[in-house]
């Protein structure tokens, strides 16, 4: 198992930016995919973005062009740069990891962070 710790959430006005970070410990990140999920009240947890060890990325349609996922393997850290934020981006954001390549579904991820709240005001 890897231990994942997120940081960087907060309150921002619509149109603003935030950067989330997730640092992993406890295992090598070789052949390990990382993803950012979010969950708003009353809604299912959804994949926002994911990145494989090789750097291949995935974005949901709702954030494509606004969010950027990246990873620094030397620092065991994955980032989610969120620009042009909208009120509908408000949610708890979770970092998740799994061995192998990224997957769409939350239940395919073995390791989870504690979550960080992102609130976008209109």
PDB file of N, CA and C in Angstrom:
ATOM      1  N   UNK A   1       0.834  -1.181   0.000  1.00  0.00           N
ATOM      2  CA  UNK A   1       0.000   0.000   0.000  1.00  0.00           C
ATOM      3  C   UNK A   1       0.876   1.240   0.000  1.00  0.00           C
ATOM      4  N   UNK A   2       0.375   2.280  -0.655  1.00  0.00           N
ATOM      5  CA  UNK A   2       0.986   3.598  -0.566  1.00  0.00           C
ATOM      6  C   UNK A   2       0.112   4.466   0.315  1.00  0.00           C
ATOM      7  N   UNK A   3       0.737   5.347   1.043  1.00  0.00           N
ATOM      8  CA  UNK A   3       0.001   6.350   1.813  1.00  0.00           C
ATOM      9  C   UNK A   3      -0.021   7.627   0.986  1.00  0.00           C
ATOM     10  N   UNK A   4      -1.204   8.169   0.806  1.00  0.00           N
ATOM     11  CA  UNK A   4      -1.387   9.357  -0.024  1.00  0.00           C
ATOM     12  C   UNK A   4      -1.896  10.503   0.833  1.00  0.00           C
ATOM     13  N   UNK A   5      -1.265  11.664   0.689  1.00  0.00           N
ATOM     14  CA  UNK A   5      -1.655  12.840   1.464  1.00  0.00           C
ATOM     15  C   UNK A   5      -1.869  14.005   0.506  1.00  0.00           C
ATOM     16  N   UNK A   6      -3.102  14.544   0.526  1.00  0.00           N
ATOM     17  CA  UNK A   6      -3.434  15.671  -0.350  1.00  0.00           C
ATOM     18  C   UNK A   6      -3.257  16.985   0.387  1.00  0.00           C
ATOM     19  N   UNK A   7      -3.083  18.026  -0.412  1.00  0.00           N
ATOM     20  CA  UNK A   7      -3.077  19.381   0.116  1.00  0.00           C
ATOM     21  C   UNK A   7      -3.452  20.333  -1.005  1.00  0.00           C
ATOM     22  N   UNK A   8      -3.822  21.556  -0.618  1.00  0.00           N
ATOM     23  CA  UNK A   8      -4.051  22.590  -1.614  1.00  0.00           C
ATOM     24  C   UNK A   8      -5.489  22.995  -1.834  1.00  0.00           C
ATOM     25  N   UNK A   9      -6.433  22.348  -1.178  1.00  0.00           N
ATOM     26  CA  UNK A   9      -7.823  22.756  -1.346  1.00  0.00           C
ATOM     27  C   UNK A   9      -8.096  24.092  -0.693  1.00  0.00           C
ATOM     28  N   UNK A  10      -9.318  24.581  -0.885  1.00  0.00           N
ATOM     29  CA  UNK A  10      -9.700  25.844  -0.265  1.00  0.00           C
ATOM     30  C   UNK A  10     -10.890  26.462  -0.937  1.00  0.00           C
ATOM     31  N   UNK A  11     -11.093  27.744  -0.627  1.00  0.00           N
ATOM     32  CA  UNK A  11     -12.209  28.515  -1.163  1.00  0.00           C
ATOM     33  C   UNK A  11     -11.681  29.483  -2.214  1.00  0.00           C
ATOM     34  N   UNK A  12     -12.339  29.514  -3.363  1.00  0.00           N
ATOM     35  CA  UNK A  12     -11.909  30.393  -4.439  1.00  0.00           C
ATOM     36  C   UNK A  12     -13.142  30.893  -5.179  1.00  0.00           C
ATOM     37  N   UNK A  13     -13.034  32.052  -5.763  1.00  0.00           N
ATOM     38  CA  UNK A  13     -14.141  32.588  -6.554  1.00  0.00           C
ATOM     39  C   UNK A  13     -14.153  31.951  -7.937  1.00  0.00           C
ATOM     40  N   UNK A  14     -15.323  31.955  -8.528  1.00  0.00           N
ATOM     41  CA  UNK A  14     -15.454  31.431  -9.885  1.00  0.00           C
ATOM     42  C   UNK A  14     -14.476  32.148 -10.815  1.00  0.00           C
ATOM     43  N   UNK A  15     -13.846  31.365 -11.666  1.00  0.00           N
ATOM     44  CA  UNK A  15     -12.829  31.903 -12.559  1.00  0.00           C
ATOM     45  C   UNK A  15     -11.421  31.835 -12.006  1.00  0.00           C
ATOM     46  N   UNK A  16     -11.311  31.518 -10.732  1.00  0.00           N
ATOM     47  CA  UNK A  16     -10.007  31.446 -10.093  1.00  0.00           C
ATOM     48  C   UNK A  16      -9.317  30.109 -10.305  1.00  0.00           C
ATOM     49  N   UNK A  17      -8.181  29.958  -9.631  1.00  0.00           N
ATOM     50  CA  UNK A  17      -7.351  28.757  -9.789  1.00  0.00           C
ATOM     51  C   UNK A  17      -6.934  28.211  -8.440  1.00  0.00           C
ATOM     52  N   UNK A  18      -6.720  26.909  -8.427  1.00  0.00           N
ATOM     53  CA  UNK A  18      -6.136  26.223  -7.277  1.00  0.00           C
ATOM     54  C   UNK A  18      -5.243  25.111  -7.806  1.00  0.00           C
ATOM     55  N   UNK A  19      -4.247  24.758  -7.002  1.00  0.00           N
ATOM     56  CA  UNK A  19      -3.423  23.602  -7.338  1.00  0.00           C
ATOM     57  C   UNK A  19      -3.443  22.618  -6.178  1.00  0.00           C
ATOM     58  N   UNK A  20      -3.856  21.415  -6.477  1.00  0.00           N
ATOM     59  CA  UNK A  20      -3.841  20.338  -5.488  1.00  0.00           C
ATOM     60  C   UNK A  20      -2.569  19.518  -5.637  1.00  0.00           C
ATOM     61  N   UNK A  21      -2.066  19.062  -4.511  1.00  0.00           N
ATOM     62  CA  UNK A  21      -0.888  18.188  -4.508  1.00  0.00           C
ATOM     63  C   UNK A  21      -1.214  16.905  -3.763  1.00  0.00           C
ATOM     64  N   UNK A  22      -0.586  15.841  -4.176  1.00  0.00           N
ATOM     65  CA  UNK A  22      -0.751  14.555  -3.496  1.00  0.00           C
ATOM     66  C   UNK A  22       0.613  13.882  -3.451  1.00  0.00           C
ATOM     67  N   UNK A  23       1.100  13.677  -2.246  1.00  0.00           N
ATOM     68  CA  UNK A  23       2.401  13.043  -2.070  1.00  0.00           C
ATOM     69  C   UNK A  23       2.223  11.624  -1.563  1.00  0.00           C
ATOM     70  N   UNK A  24       2.924  10.723  -2.200  1.00  0.00           N
ATOM     71  CA  UNK A  24       2.813   9.297  -1.862  1.00  0.00           C
ATOM     72  C   UNK A  24       4.048   8.829  -1.113  1.00  0.00           C
ATOM     73  N   UNK A  25       3.836   7.903  -0.209  1.00  0.00           N
ATOM     74  CA  UNK A  25       4.938   7.279   0.513  1.00  0.00           C
ATOM     75  C   UNK A  25       4.603   5.813   0.744  1.00  0.00           C
ATOM     76  N   UNK A  26       5.620   5.046   1.039  1.00  0.00           N
ATOM     77  CA  UNK A  26       5.390   3.645   1.392  1.00  0.00           C
ATOM     78  C   UNK A  26       5.627   2.648   0.285  1.00  0.00           C
ATOM     79  N   UNK A  27       5.781   3.132  -0.919  1.00  0.00           N
ATOM     80  CA  UNK A  27       6.086   2.229  -2.028  1.00  0.00           C
ATOM     81  C   UNK A  27       6.659   3.048  -3.174  1.00  0.00           C
ATOM     82  N   UNK A  28       7.342   2.369  -4.060  1.00  0.00           N
ATOM     83  CA  UNK A  28       7.807   3.037  -5.258  1.00  0.00           C
ATOM     84  C   UNK A  28       6.624   3.333  -6.178  1.00  0.00           C
ATOM     85  N   UNK A  29       6.719   4.414  -6.902  1.00  0.00           N
ATOM     86  CA  UNK A  29       5.640   4.782  -7.817  1.00  0.00           C
ATOM     87  C   UNK A  29       5.858   4.237  -9.217  1.00  0.00           C
ATOM     88  N   UNK A  30       6.867   3.406  -9.363  1.00  0.00           N
ATOM     89  CA  UNK A  30       7.057   2.758 -10.657  1.00  0.00           C
ATOM     90  C   UNK A  30       5.859   1.887 -10.980  1.00  0.00           C
ATOM     91  N   UNK A  31       5.389   1.980 -12.213  1.00  0.00           N
ATOM     92  CA  UNK A  31       4.217   1.218 -12.644  1.00  0.00           C
ATOM     93  C   UNK A  31       3.014   1.451 -11.725  1.00  0.00           C
ATOM     94  N   UNK A  32       2.788   2.692 -11.397  1.00  0.00           N
ATOM     95  CA  UNK A  32       1.718   3.051 -10.462  1.00  0.00           C
ATOM     96  C   UNK A  32       0.974   4.245 -11.034  1.00  0.00           C
ATOM     97  N   UNK A  33      -0.327   4.084 -11.211  1.00  0.00           N
ATOM     98  CA  UNK A  33      -1.147   5.158 -11.755  1.00  0.00           C
ATOM     99  C   UNK A  33      -1.774   5.970 -10.625  1.00  0.00           C
ATOM    100  N   UNK A  34      -1.923   7.250 -10.873  1.00  0.00           N
ATOM    101  CA  UNK A  34      -2.524   8.153  -9.889  1.00  0.00           C
ATOM    102  C   UNK A  34      -3.685   8.898 -10.514  1.00  0.00           C
ATOM    103  N   UNK A  35      -4.728   9.072  -9.752  1.00  0.00           N
ATOM    104  CA  UNK A  35      -5.889   9.772 -10.255  1.00  0.00           C
ATOM    105  C   UNK A  35      -6.448  10.733  -9.229  1.00  0.00           C
ATOM    106  N   UNK A  36      -7.179  11.711  -9.706  1.00  0.00           N
ATOM    107  CA  UNK A  36      -7.926  12.627  -8.848  1.00  0.00           C
ATOM    108  C   UNK A  36      -9.409  12.374  -9.074  1.00  0.00           C
ATOM    109  N   UNK A  37     -10.094  12.056  -8.001  1.00  0.00           N
ATOM    110  CA  UNK A  37     -11.547  11.898  -8.009  1.00  0.00           C
ATOM    111  C   UNK A  37     -12.156  13.059  -7.228  1.00  0.00           C
ATOM    112  N   UNK A  38     -13.446  13.279  -7.456  1.00  0.00           N
ATOM    113  CA  UNK A  38     -14.153  14.240  -6.634  1.00  0.00           C
ATOM    114  C   UNK A  38     -15.550  13.726  -6.323  1.00  0.00           C
ATOM    115  N   UNK A  39     -16.059  14.194  -5.200  1.00  0.00           N
ATOM    116  CA  UNK A  39     -17.401  13.798  -4.794  1.00  0.00           C
ATOM    117  C   UNK A  39     -18.106  14.986  -4.171  1.00  0.00           C
ATOM    118  N   UNK A  40     -19.203  15.373  -4.806  1.00  0.00           N
ATOM    119  CA  UNK A  40     -20.042  16.450  -4.286  1.00  0.00           C
ATOM    120  C   UNK A  40     -21.173  15.823  -3.468  1.00  0.00           C
ATOM    121  N   UNK A  41     -21.773  16.578  -2.554  1.00  0.00           N
ATOM    122  CA  UNK A  41     -22.860  16.030  -1.735  1.00  0.00           C
ATOM    123  C   UNK A  41     -23.982  15.455  -2.583  1.00  0.00           C
ATOM    124  N   UNK A  42     -24.365  14.223  -2.285  1.00  0.00           N
ATOM    125  CA  UNK A  42     -25.459  13.585  -2.995  1.00  0.00           C
ATOM    126  C   UNK A  42     -25.110  13.034  -4.358  1.00  0.00           C
ATOM    127  N   UNK A  43     -23.837  13.125  -4.713  1.00  0.00           N
ATOM    128  CA  UNK A  43     -23.414  12.634  -6.028  1.00  0.00           C
ATOM    129  C   UNK A  43     -22.391  11.514  -5.882  1.00  0.00           C
ATOM    130  N   UNK A  44     -22.232  10.753  -6.945  1.00  0.00           N
ATOM    131  CA  UNK A  44     -21.253   9.675  -6.940  1.00  0.00           C
ATOM    132  C   UNK A  44     -19.838  10.226  -7.103  1.00  0.00           C
ATOM    133  N   UNK A  45     -18.882   9.450  -6.622  1.00  0.00           N
ATOM    134  CA  UNK A  45     -17.490   9.827  -6.802  1.00  0.00           C
ATOM    135  C   UNK A  45     -17.132   9.639  -8.271  1.00  0.00           C
ATOM    136  N   UNK A  46     -16.529  10.663  -8.854  1.00  0.00           N
ATOM    137  CA  UNK A  46     -16.207  10.604 -10.268  1.00  0.00           C
ATOM    138  C   UNK A  46     -14.728  10.885 -10.511  1.00  0.00           C
ATOM    139  N   UNK A  47     -14.197  10.256 -11.548  1.00  0.00           N
ATOM    140  CA  UNK A  47     -12.814  10.495 -11.927  1.00  0.00           C
ATOM    141  C   UNK A  47     -12.717  11.815 -12.669  1.00  0.00           C
ATOM    142  N   UNK A  48     -11.810  12.656 -12.219  1.00  0.00           N
ATOM    143  CA  UNK A  48     -11.590  13.954 -12.849  1.00  0.00           C
ATOM    144  C   UNK A  48     -10.424  13.863 -13.829  1.00  0.00           C
ATOM    145  N   UNK A  49      -9.327  13.290 -13.369  1.00  0.00           N
ATOM    146  CA  UNK A  49      -8.128  13.177 -14.196  1.00  0.00           C
ATOM    147  C   UNK A  49      -7.263  12.056 -13.652  1.00  0.00           C
ATOM    148  N   UNK A  50      -6.475  11.474 -14.526  1.00  0.00           N
ATOM    149  CA  UNK A  50      -5.574  10.399 -14.118  1.00  0.00           C
ATOM    150  C   UNK A  50      -4.320  10.447 -14.963  1.00  0.00           C
ATOM    151  N   UNK A  51      -3.252   9.882 -14.399  1.00  0.00           N
ATOM    152  CA  UNK A  51      -1.983   9.862 -15.116  1.00  0.00           C
ATOM    153  C   UNK A  51      -1.260   8.564 -14.809  1.00  0.00           C
ATOM    154  N   UNK A  52      -0.741   7.951 -15.865  1.00  0.00           N
ATOM    155  CA  UNK A  52       0.018   6.723 -15.701  1.00  0.00           C
ATOM    156  C   UNK A  52       1.476   7.030 -15.402  1.00  0.00           C
ATOM    157  N   UNK A  53       2.221   5.978 -15.066  1.00  0.00           N
ATOM    158  CA  UNK A  53       3.652   6.124 -14.824  1.00  0.00           C
ATOM    159  C   UNK A  53       4.351   6.713 -16.053  1.00  0.00           C
ATOM    160  N   UNK A  54       3.866   6.353 -17.228  1.00  0.00           N
ATOM    161  CA  UNK A  54       4.495   6.805 -18.469  1.00  0.00           C
ATOM    162  C   UNK A  54       4.154   8.247 -18.804  1.00  0.00           C
ATOM    163  N   UNK A  55       3.183   8.813 -18.090  1.00  0.00           N
ATOM    164  CA  UNK A  55       2.780  10.189 -18.352  1.00  0.00           C
ATOM    165  C   UNK A  55       1.511  10.322 -19.170  1.00  0.00           C
ATOM    166  N   UNK A  56       0.965   9.220 -19.606  1.00  0.00           N
ATOM    167  CA  UNK A  56      -0.293   9.275 -20.351  1.00  0.00           C
ATOM    168  C   UNK A  56      -1.389   9.756 -19.418  1.00  0.00           C
ATOM    169  N   UNK A  57      -2.196  10.691 -19.903  1.00  0.00           N
ATOM    170  CA  UNK A  57      -3.221  11.317 -19.057  1.00  0.00           C
ATOM    171  C   UNK A  57      -4.630  11.055 -19.576  1.00  0.00           C
ATOM    172  N   UNK A  58      -5.563  11.215 -18.669  1.00  0.00           N
ATOM    173  CA  UNK A  58      -6.999  11.139 -18.991  1.00  0.00           C
ATOM    174  C   UNK A  58      -7.690  12.292 -18.274  1.00  0.00           C
ATOM    175  N   UNK A  59      -8.676  12.896 -18.930  1.00  0.00           N
ATOM    176  CA  UNK A  59      -9.483  13.950 -18.319  1.00  0.00           C
ATOM    177  C   UNK A  59     -10.957  13.692 -18.588  1.00  0.00           C
ATOM    178  N   UNK A  60     -11.782  13.992 -17.612  1.00  0.00           N
ATOM    179  CA  UNK A  60     -13.208  13.944 -17.867  1.00  0.00           C
ATOM    180  C   UNK A  60     -13.588  15.128 -18.755  1.00  0.00           C
ATOM    181  N   UNK A  61     -14.673  14.993 -19.461  1.00  0.00           N
ATOM    182  CA  UNK A  61     -15.095  16.053 -20.374  1.00  0.00           C
ATOM    183  C   UNK A  61     -15.379  17.359 -19.638  1.00  0.00           C
ATOM    184  N   UNK A  62     -15.833  17.245 -18.412  1.00  0.00           N
ATOM    185  CA  UNK A  62     -16.236  18.430 -17.667  1.00  0.00           C
ATOM    186  C   UNK A  62     -15.060  19.318 -17.271  1.00  0.00           C
ATOM    187  N   UNK A  63     -13.847  18.771 -17.276  1.00  0.00           N
ATOM    188  CA  UNK A  63     -12.689  19.563 -16.853  1.00  0.00           C
ATOM    189  C   UNK A  63     -11.663  19.730 -17.959  1.00  0.00           C
ATOM    190  N   UNK A  64     -11.851  19.060 -19.078  1.00  0.00           N
ATOM    191  CA  UNK A  64     -10.879  19.109 -20.162  1.00  0.00           C
ATOM    192  C   UNK A  64     -10.667  20.551 -20.622  1.00  0.00           C
ATOM    193  N   UNK A  65      -9.402  20.937 -20.721  1.00  0.00           N
ATOM    194  CA  UNK A  65      -9.082  22.292 -21.115  1.00  0.00           C
ATOM    195  C   UNK A  65      -8.944  23.262 -19.955  1.00  0.00           C
ATOM    196  N   UNK A  66      -9.399  22.859 -18.784  1.00  0.00           N
ATOM    197  CA  UNK A  66      -9.310  23.720 -17.595  1.00  0.00           C
ATOM    198  C   UNK A  66      -8.365  23.153 -16.541  1.00  0.00           C
ATOM    199  N   UNK A  67      -8.334  21.840 -16.409  1.00  0.00           N
ATOM    200  CA  UNK A  67      -7.502  21.174 -15.405  1.00  0.00           C
ATOM    201  C   UNK A  67      -6.322  20.491 -16.086  1.00  0.00           C
ATOM    202  N   UNK A  68      -5.212  20.437 -15.359  1.00  0.00           N
ATOM    203  CA  UNK A  68      -4.024  19.737 -15.849  1.00  0.00           C
ATOM    204  C   UNK A  68      -3.462  18.860 -14.746  1.00  0.00           C
ATOM    205  N   UNK A  69      -3.290  17.584 -15.054  1.00  0.00           N
ATOM    206  CA  UNK A  69      -2.674  16.668 -14.103  1.00  0.00           C
ATOM    207  C   UNK A  69      -1.229  16.445 -14.510  1.00  0.00           C
ATOM    208  N   UNK A  70      -0.357  16.376 -13.525  1.00  0.00           N
ATOM    209  CA  UNK A  70       1.058  16.125 -13.795  1.00  0.00           C
ATOM    210  C   UNK A  70       1.641  15.369 -12.604  1.00  0.00           C
ATOM    211  N   UNK A  71       2.795  14.786 -12.823  1.00  0.00           N
ATOM    212  CA  UNK A  71       3.431  14.059 -11.727  1.00  0.00           C
ATOM    213  C   UNK A  71       4.928  14.302 -11.758  1.00  0.00           C
ATOM    214  N   UNK A  72       5.507  14.342 -10.580  1.00  0.00           N
ATOM    215  CA  UNK A  72       6.949  14.442 -10.408  1.00  0.00           C
ATOM    216  C   UNK A  72       7.369  13.162  -9.705  1.00  0.00           C
ATOM    217  N   UNK A  73       7.857  12.213 -10.482  1.00  0.00           N
ATOM    218  CA  UNK A  73       8.181  10.900  -9.918  1.00  0.00           C
ATOM    219  C   UNK A  73       9.324  10.980  -8.908  1.00  0.00           C
ATOM    220  N   UNK A  74      10.224  11.908  -9.103  1.00  0.00           N
ATOM    221  CA  UNK A  74      11.338  12.047  -8.162  1.00  0.00           C
ATOM    222  C   UNK A  74      10.847  12.503  -6.794  1.00  0.00           C
ATOM    223  N   UNK A  75       9.732  13.239  -6.774  1.00  0.00           N
ATOM    224  CA  UNK A  75       9.167  13.734  -5.523  1.00  0.00           C
ATOM    225  C   UNK A  75       7.974  12.892  -5.069  1.00  0.00           C
ATOM    226  N   UNK A  76       7.663  11.853  -5.827  1.00  0.00           N
ATOM    227  CA  UNK A  76       6.509  11.011  -5.492  1.00  0.00           C
ATOM    228  C   UNK A  76       5.236  11.835  -5.331  1.00  0.00           C
ATOM    229  N   UNK A  77       5.066  12.790  -6.205  1.00  0.00           N
ATOM    230  CA  UNK A  77       3.956  13.735  -6.059  1.00  0.00           C
ATOM    231  C   UNK A  77       3.202  13.883  -7.374  1.00  0.00           C
ATOM    232  N   UNK A  78       1.890  13.970  -7.268  1.00  0.00           N
ATOM    233  CA  UNK A  78       1.033  14.278  -8.406  1.00  0.00           C
ATOM    234  C   UNK A  78       0.302  15.580  -8.121  1.00  0.00           C
ATOM    235  N   UNK A  79       0.105  16.361  -9.157  1.00  0.00           N
ATOM    236  CA  UNK A  79      -0.523  17.675  -9.025  1.00  0.00           C
ATOM    237  C   UNK A  79      -1.786  17.731  -9.888  1.00  0.00           C
ATOM    238  N   UNK A  80      -2.713  18.569  -9.443  1.00  0.00           N
ATOM    239  CA  UNK A  80      -3.871  18.880 -10.265  1.00  0.00           C
ATOM    240  C   UNK A  80      -3.999  20.399 -10.284  1.00  0.00           C
ATOM    241  N   UNK A  81      -3.636  20.991 -11.407  1.00  0.00           N
ATOM    242  CA  UNK A  81      -3.785  22.430 -11.596  1.00  0.00           C
ATOM    243  C   UNK A  81      -5.191  22.682 -12.117  1.00  0.00           C
ATOM    244  N   UNK A  82      -5.948  23.478 -11.380  1.00  0.00           N
ATOM    245  CA  UNK A  82      -7.342  23.736 -11.737  1.00  0.00           C
ATOM    246  C   UNK A  82      -7.514  25.213 -12.044  1.00  0.00           C
ATOM    247  N   UNK A  83      -7.826  25.510 -13.282  1.00  0.00           N
ATOM    248  CA  UNK A  83      -8.033  26.883 -13.729  1.00  0.00           C
ATOM    249  C   UNK A  83      -9.489  27.081 -14.140  1.00  0.00           C
ATOM    250  N   UNK A  84      -9.874  28.336 -14.254  1.00  0.00           N
ATOM    251  CA  UNK A  84     -11.233  28.685 -14.673  1.00  0.00           C
ATOM    252  C   UNK A  84     -12.267  27.897 -13.874  1.00  0.00           C
ATOM    253  N   UNK A  85     -12.109  27.893 -12.582  1.00  0.00           N
ATOM    254  CA  UNK A  85     -12.984  27.099 -11.731  1.00  0.00           C
ATOM    255  C   UNK A  85     -14.419  27.599 -11.771  1.00  0.00           C
ATOM    256  N   UNK A  86     -15.336  26.650 -11.665  1.00  0.00           N
ATOM    257  CA  UNK A  86     -16.769  26.932 -11.702  1.00  0.00           C
ATOM    258  C   UNK A  86     -17.412  26.454 -10.404  1.00  0.00           C
ATOM    259  N   UNK A  87     -18.539  27.009 -10.028  1.00  0.00           N
ATOM    260  CA  UNK A  87     -19.218  26.534  -8.814  1.00  0.00           C
ATOM    261  C   UNK A  87     -19.498  25.029  -8.847  1.00  0.00           C
ATOM    262  N   UNK A  88     -19.745  24.488 -10.011  1.00  0.00           N
ATOM    263  CA  UNK A  88     -20.019  23.052 -10.109  1.00  0.00           C
ATOM    264  C   UNK A  88     -18.780  22.182  -9.894  1.00  0.00           C
ATOM    265  N   UNK A  89     -17.609  22.809  -9.763  1.00  0.00           N
ATOM    266  CA  UNK A  89     -16.398  22.067  -9.404  1.00  0.00           C
ATOM    267  C   UNK A  89     -16.296  21.858  -7.890  1.00  0.00           C
ATOM    268  N   UNK A  90     -17.184  22.456  -7.142  1.00  0.00           N
ATOM    269  CA  UNK A  90     -17.171  22.315  -5.691  1.00  0.00           C
ATOM    270  C   UNK A  90     -17.378  20.855  -5.289  1.00  0.00           C
ATOM    271  N   UNK A  91     -16.457  20.334  -4.504  1.00  0.00           N
ATOM    272  CA  UNK A  91     -16.509  18.925  -4.098  1.00  0.00           C
ATOM    273  C   UNK A  91     -15.334  18.645  -3.164  1.00  0.00           C
ATOM    274  N   UNK A  92     -15.358  17.461  -2.590  1.00  0.00           N
ATOM    275  CA  UNK A  92     -14.163  16.942  -1.924  1.00  0.00           C
ATOM    276  C   UNK A  92     -13.355  16.214  -2.995  1.00  0.00           C
ATOM    277  N   UNK A  93     -12.094  16.561  -3.087  1.00  0.00           N
ATOM    278  CA  UNK A  93     -11.213  15.965  -4.080  1.00  0.00           C
ATOM    279  C   UNK A  93     -10.304  14.940  -3.397  1.00  0.00           C
ATOM    280  N   UNK A  94     -10.228  13.764  -4.008  1.00  0.00           N
ATOM    281  CA  UNK A  94      -9.444  12.663  -3.469  1.00  0.00           C
ATOM    282  C   UNK A  94      -8.351  12.262  -4.453  1.00  0.00           C
ATOM    283  N   UNK A  95      -7.196  12.000  -3.908  1.00  0.00           N
ATOM    284  CA  UNK A  95      -6.115  11.393  -4.666  1.00  0.00           C
ATOM    285  C   UNK A  95      -6.215   9.879  -4.496  1.00  0.00           C
ATOM    286  N   UNK A  96      -6.002   9.143  -5.570  1.00  0.00           N
ATOM    287  CA  UNK A  96      -6.093   7.688  -5.507  1.00  0.00           C
ATOM    288  C   UNK A  96      -4.994   7.071  -6.350  1.00  0.00           C
ATOM    289  N   UNK A  97      -4.563   5.889  -5.953  1.00  0.00           N
ATOM    290  CA  UNK A  97      -3.503   5.218  -6.690  1.00  0.00           C
ATOM    291  C   UNK A  97      -3.766   3.736  -6.868  1.00  0.00           C
ATOM    292  N   UNK A  98      -3.186   3.188  -7.919  1.00  0.00           N
ATOM    293  CA  UNK A  98      -3.307   1.756  -8.172  1.00  0.00           C
ATOM    294  C   UNK A  98      -2.093   1.295  -8.975  1.00  0.00           C
ATOM    295  N   UNK A  99      -1.741   0.049  -8.803  1.00  0.00           N
ATOM    296  CA  UNK A  99      -0.662  -0.530  -9.598  1.00  0.00           C
ATOM    297  C   UNK A  99      -1.136  -0.695 -11.035  1.00  0.00           C
ATOM    298  N   UNK A 100      -0.242  -0.504 -11.966  1.00  0.00           N
ATOM    299  CA  UNK A 100      -0.605  -0.645 -13.361  1.00  0.00           C
ATOM    300  C   UNK A 100      -1.093   0.669 -13.949  1.00  0.00           C
ATOM    301  N   UNK A 101      -1.993   0.557 -14.902  1.00  0.00           N
ATOM    302  CA  UNK A 101      -2.499   1.743 -15.605  1.00  0.00           C
ATOM    303  C   UNK A 101      -3.758   2.278 -14.938  1.00  0.00           C
ATOM    304  N   UNK A 102      -4.118   3.494 -15.304  1.00  0.00           N
ATOM    305  CA  UNK A 102      -5.274   4.135 -14.690  1.00  0.00           C
ATOM    306  C   UNK A 102      -6.567   3.461 -15.147  1.00  0.00           C
ATOM    307  N   UNK A 103      -7.588   3.607 -14.302  1.00  0.00           N
ATOM    308  CA  UNK A 103      -8.928   3.090 -14.568  1.00  0.00           C
ATOM    309  C   UNK A 103      -9.937   4.172 -14.298  1.00  0.00           C
ATOM    310  N   UNK A 104     -11.147   3.977 -14.843  1.00  0.00           N
ATOM    311  CA  UNK A 104     -12.186   4.974 -14.710  1.00  0.00           C
ATOM    312  C   UNK A 104     -12.909   4.922 -13.371  1.00  0.00           C
ATOM    313  N   UNK A 105     -13.028   3.739 -12.804  1.00  0.00           N
ATOM    314  CA  UNK A 105     -13.912   3.536 -11.656  1.00  0.00           C
ATOM    315  C   UNK A 105     -13.163   3.619 -10.337  1.00  0.00           C
ATOM    316  N   UNK A 106     -13.800   4.221  -9.341  1.00  0.00           N
ATOM    317  CA  UNK A 106     -13.139   4.429  -8.066  1.00  0.00           C
ATOM    318  C   UNK A 106     -12.771   3.109  -7.394  1.00  0.00           C
ATOM    319  N   UNK A 107     -13.587   2.078  -7.625  1.00  0.00           N
ATOM    320  CA  UNK A 107     -13.349   0.811  -6.934  1.00  0.00           C
ATOM    321  C   UNK A 107     -12.144   0.052  -7.499  1.00  0.00           C
ATOM    322  N   UNK A 108     -11.571   0.530  -8.587  1.00  0.00           N
ATOM    323  CA  UNK A 108     -10.358  -0.078  -9.139  1.00  0.00           C
ATOM    324  C   UNK A 108      -9.090   0.484  -8.500  1.00  0.00           C
ATOM    325  N   UNK A 109      -9.253   1.463  -7.617  1.00  0.00           N
ATOM    326  CA  UNK A 109      -8.098   2.078  -6.978  1.00  0.00           C
ATOM    327  C   UNK A 109      -7.967   1.568  -5.552  1.00  0.00           C
ATOM    328  N   UNK A 110      -6.758   1.195  -5.217  1.00  0.00           N
ATOM    329  CA  UNK A 110      -6.518   0.547  -3.927  1.00  0.00           C
ATOM    330  C   UNK A 110      -6.164   1.542  -2.826  1.00  0.00           C
ATOM    331  N   UNK A 111      -5.443   2.587  -3.188  1.00  0.00           N
ATOM    332  CA  UNK A 111      -4.920   3.522  -2.192  1.00  0.00           C
ATOM    333  C   UNK A 111      -5.628   4.864  -2.326  1.00  0.00           C
ATOM    334  N   UNK A 112      -5.973   5.471  -1.168  1.00  0.00           N
ATOM    335  CA  UNK A 112      -6.731   6.721  -1.160  1.00  0.00           C
ATOM    336  C   UNK A 112      -6.171   7.699  -0.144  1.00  0.00           C
ATOM    337  N   UNK A 113      -6.221   8.970  -0.508  1.00  0.00           N
ATOM    338  CA  UNK A 113      -5.932  10.013   0.452  1.00  0.00           C
ATOM    339  C   UNK A 113      -7.165  10.354   1.257  1.00  0.00           C
ATOM    340  N   UNK A 114      -7.025  11.293   2.164  1.00  0.00           N
ATOM    341  CA  UNK A 114      -8.111  11.644   3.074  1.00  0.00           C
ATOM    342  C   UNK A 114      -9.099  12.622   2.457  1.00  0.00           C
ATOM    343  N   UNK A 115      -8.736  13.231   1.361  1.00  0.00           N
ATOM    344  CA  UNK A 115      -9.610  14.180   0.693  1.00  0.00           C
ATOM    345  C   UNK A 115      -9.318  15.611   1.099  1.00  0.00           C
ATOM    346  N   UNK A 116      -9.574  16.525   0.181  1.00  0.00           N
ATOM    347  CA  UNK A 116      -9.419  17.951   0.453  1.00  0.00           C
ATOM    348  C   UNK A 116     -10.590  18.696  -0.176  1.00  0.00           C
ATOM    349  N   UNK A 117     -11.154  19.632   0.578  1.00  0.00           N
ATOM    350  CA  UNK A 117     -12.347  20.343   0.115  1.00  0.00           C
ATOM    351  C   UNK A 117     -11.968  21.465  -0.839  1.00  0.00           C
ATOM    352  N   UNK A 118     -12.672  21.520  -1.944  1.00  0.00           N
ATOM    353  CA  UNK A 118     -12.564  22.634  -2.886  1.00  0.00           C
ATOM    354  C   UNK A 118     -13.946  23.272  -2.992  1.00  0.00           C
ATOM    355  N   UNK A 119     -14.018  24.555  -2.709  1.00  0.00           N
ATOM    356  CA  UNK A 119     -15.274  25.285  -2.777  1.00  0.00           C
ATOM    357  C   UNK A 119     -15.103  26.470  -3.710  1.00  0.00           C
ATOM    358  N   UNK A 120     -15.976  26.543  -4.716  1.00  0.00           N
ATOM    359  CA  UNK A 120     -15.930  27.629  -5.683  1.00  0.00           C
ATOM    360  C   UNK A 120     -17.190  28.458  -5.524  1.00  0.00           C
ATOM    361  N   UNK A 121     -17.022  29.716  -5.181  1.00  0.00           N
ATOM    362  CA  UNK A 121     -18.167  30.591  -4.974  1.00  0.00           C
ATOM    363  C   UNK A 121     -18.501  31.339  -6.263  1.00  0.00           C
ATOM    364  N   UNK A 122     -19.777  31.601  -6.430  1.00  0.00           N
ATOM    365  CA  UNK A 122     -20.213  32.293  -7.653  1.00  0.00           C
ATOM    366  C   UNK A 122     -20.180  33.789  -7.490  1.00  0.00           C
TER     367      UNK A 122
END
